Amino acid sequence: MSLREQLVEELKAAMRQRNELLVSTLRLLRADIQNREIELRKPLDDAGVLAIISKQVRQRQESIEAFRKGNRPEMADREEAEMAILQEYLPEQLPREEVEALAAKVIEEVGAAGPGDLGKVMGPLMQQVRGKADGGEVRSIVSELLSSS
């Protein structure tokens, strides 16, 4: 069963259980998936669905920060609950040490020499860690490794 199909089944189950938070979160996710499929004019594979889930998790993180700054703890709590639901669908995140090891390997493979070669490293590395590590964190690790070489 694909991730997309799994989401549909879990939405149906959440509706039967009358779990409003889960239903609203999964509906928003499905809407984003359908919008992306309309843009591409083809169904998304699991990697595409994971990319959308990751994007929604990042959006929730930003919203939580904004609500906390705006003194809206009840809204921040709801966003945290939605983010927790979405994170259940993401694969386990790689620890920093593993990302550093993968980055060092890719840097060696592509022959990157300094900070100017960031783009050469990021493409192949993100293919390996997509969905398993935050892109911003990966970028900072690669930048650190390239500036120290």
Protein backbone atom coordinates (compact mmCIF):
# COMPACT_ATOMS: atom_id res chain seq x y z
CA MET A 1 0.00 0.00 0.00
CA SER A 2 1.41 3.38 -0.98
CA LEU A 3 1.69 6.21 1.50
CA ARG A 4 -1.04 8.08 -0.37
CA GLU A 5 -3.43 5.12 -0.02
CA GLN A 6 -2.50 4.75 3.64
CA LEU A 7 -3.44 8.39 4.25
CA VAL A 8 -6.86 7.85 2.64
CA GLU A 9 -7.52 4.78 4.80
CA GLU A 10 -6.43 6.55 7.97
CA LEU A 11 -8.62 9.54 7.12
CA LYS A 12 -11.61 7.22 6.78
CA ALA A 13 -10.81 5.60 10.12
CA ALA A 14 -10.40 9.00 11.79
CA MET A 15 -13.78 10.08 10.44
CA ARG A 16 -15.42 6.96 11.85
CA GLN A 17 -13.76 7.63 15.22
CA ARG A 18 -14.81 11.31 15.08
CA ASN A 19 -11.23 12.41 15.75
CA GLU A 20 -11.56 16.04 14.61
CA LEU A 21 -7.87 16.95 14.91
CA LEU A 22 -6.71 13.96 12.90
CA VAL A 23 -9.44 14.46 10.29
CA SER A 24 -8.61 18.14 9.76
CA THR A 25 -4.85 17.48 9.62
CA LEU A 26 -5.20 14.64 7.11
CA ARG A 27 -7.66 16.62 4.99
CA LEU A 28 -5.23 19.52 4.74
CA LEU A 29 -2.47 17.10 3.82
CA ARG A 30 -4.60 15.39 1.16
CA ALA A 31 -5.56 18.78 -0.29
CA ASP A 32 -1.87 19.72 -0.62
CA ILE A 33 -1.14 16.36 -2.26
CA GLN A 34 -4.03 16.76 -4.71
CA ASN A 35 -2.99 20.32 -5.57
CA ARG A 36 0.55 19.15 -6.29
CA GLU A 37 -0.76 16.29 -8.44
CA ILE A 38 -2.88 18.74 -10.43
CA GLU A 39 0.19 20.93 -10.97
CA LEU A 40 2.25 17.97 -12.16
CA ARG A 41 -0.65 16.30 -14.00
CA LYS A 42 0.32 12.93 -12.55
CA PRO A 43 -0.04 11.07 -9.23
CA LEU A 44 2.70 11.54 -6.66
CA ASP A 45 4.90 8.68 -5.56
CA ASP A 46 5.83 8.13 -1.91
CA ALA A 47 8.84 10.47 -2.20
CA GLY A 48 6.60 13.28 -3.44
CA VAL A 49 4.12 12.69 -0.63
CA LEU A 50 6.97 12.70 1.92
CA ALA A 51 8.19 16.01 0.52
CA ILE A 52 4.76 17.54 1.08
CA ILE A 53 4.57 16.14 4.61
CA SER A 54 8.03 17.58 5.37
CA LYS A 55 6.93 20.95 4.01
CA GLN A 56 3.84 20.92 6.22
CA VAL A 57 5.94 20.03 9.28
CA ARG A 58 8.22 23.01 8.56
CA GLN A 59 5.17 25.25 8.18
CA ARG A 60 3.85 24.06 11.53
CA GLN A 61 7.21 24.79 13.19
CA GLU A 62 7.15 28.34 11.84
CA SER A 63 3.54 28.79 12.97
CA ILE A 64 4.34 27.53 16.45
CA GLU A 65 7.13 30.11 16.79
CA ALA A 66 4.85 32.88 15.52
CA PHE A 67 2.01 31.91 17.86
CA ARG A 68 4.35 31.75 20.84
CA LYS A 69 5.72 35.22 20.01
CA GLY A 70 2.17 36.49 19.56
CA ASN A 71 1.14 35.11 22.96
CA ARG A 72 -1.32 32.59 21.46
CA PRO A 73 -0.45 29.39 23.36
CA GLU A 74 -3.73 27.62 22.47
CA MET A 75 -3.00 28.01 18.74
CA ALA A 76 0.61 26.91 19.24
CA ASP A 77 -0.60 23.81 21.09
CA ARG A 78 -2.92 22.89 18.22
CA GLU A 79 -0.10 23.34 15.70
CA GLU A 80 2.14 21.13 17.83
CA ALA A 81 -0.53 18.42 17.89
CA GLU A 82 -0.91 18.61 14.11
CA MET A 83 2.86 18.50 13.67
CA ALA A 84 3.07 15.38 15.83
CA ILE A 85 0.47 13.68 13.61
CA LEU A 86 2.39 14.58 10.46
CA GLN A 87 5.72 13.45 11.88
CA GLU A 88 4.32 9.94 12.33
CA TYR A 89 4.32 9.60 8.54
CA LEU A 90 7.93 10.70 8.10
CA PRO A 91 10.75 8.17 8.28
CA GLU A 92 12.96 8.31 11.34
CA GLN A 93 15.33 11.26 11.12
CA LEU A 94 19.05 10.56 10.75
CA PRO A 95 21.28 11.63 13.62
CA ARG A 96 23.71 14.48 12.92
CA GLU A 97 26.71 12.12 12.97
CA GLU A 98 25.28 10.01 10.13
CA VAL A 99 24.52 13.08 8.05
CA GLU A 100 28.07 14.32 8.62
CA ALA A 101 29.50 10.95 7.54
CA LEU A 102 27.34 10.89 4.39
CA ALA A 103 28.26 14.49 3.62
CA ALA A 104 31.98 13.77 4.00
CA LYS A 105 31.65 10.81 1.65
CA VAL A 106 29.81 12.87 -1.00
CA ILE A 107 32.34 15.71 -0.67
CA GLU A 108 35.12 13.22 -1.36
CA GLU A 109 33.23 11.62 -4.28
CA VAL A 110 32.54 14.90 -6.09
CA GLY A 111 35.94 16.38 -5.23
CA ALA A 112 34.54 19.47 -3.54
CA ALA A 113 37.28 21.80 -2.32
CA GLY A 114 35.59 24.72 -0.64
CA PRO A 115 32.40 26.65 0.09
CA GLY A 116 31.93 27.41 -3.61
CA ASP A 117 31.23 23.72 -4.24
CA LEU A 118 28.18 23.62 -1.96
CA GLY A 119 25.81 23.04 -4.88
CA LYS A 120 27.87 20.11 -6.20
CA VAL A 121 27.52 18.37 -2.84
CA MET A 122 23.93 19.21 -1.93
CA GLY A 123 22.30 17.59 -4.98
CA PRO A 124 23.68 14.06 -4.52
CA LEU A 125 23.52 14.28 -0.73
CA MET A 126 19.87 15.35 -0.61
CA GLN A 127 18.97 12.40 -2.84
CA GLN A 128 20.39 10.13 -0.14
CA VAL A 129 18.83 11.84 2.89
CA ARG A 130 15.57 13.26 1.50
CA GLY A 131 12.83 12.83 4.07
CA LYS A 132 15.32 11.56 6.64
CA ALA A 133 17.00 14.87 7.46
CA ASP A 134 16.05 18.54 7.38
CA GLY A 135 17.47 20.31 4.34
CA GLY A 136 18.52 23.35 6.35
CA GLU A 137 20.46 21.21 8.79
CA VAL A 138 22.09 19.28 5.94
CA ARG A 139 23.11 22.56 4.29
CA SER A 140 24.70 23.86 7.49
CA ILE A 141 26.62 20.59 7.98
CA VAL A 142 27.92 20.66 4.40
CA SER A 143 28.88 24.33 4.78
CA GLU A 144 30.82 23.56 7.97
CA LEU A 145 32.63 20.64 6.35
CA LEU A 146 33.49 22.62 3.21
CA SER A 147 34.74 25.67 5.11
CA SER A 148 37.00 23.49 7.27
CA SER A 149 38.55 21.73 4.26
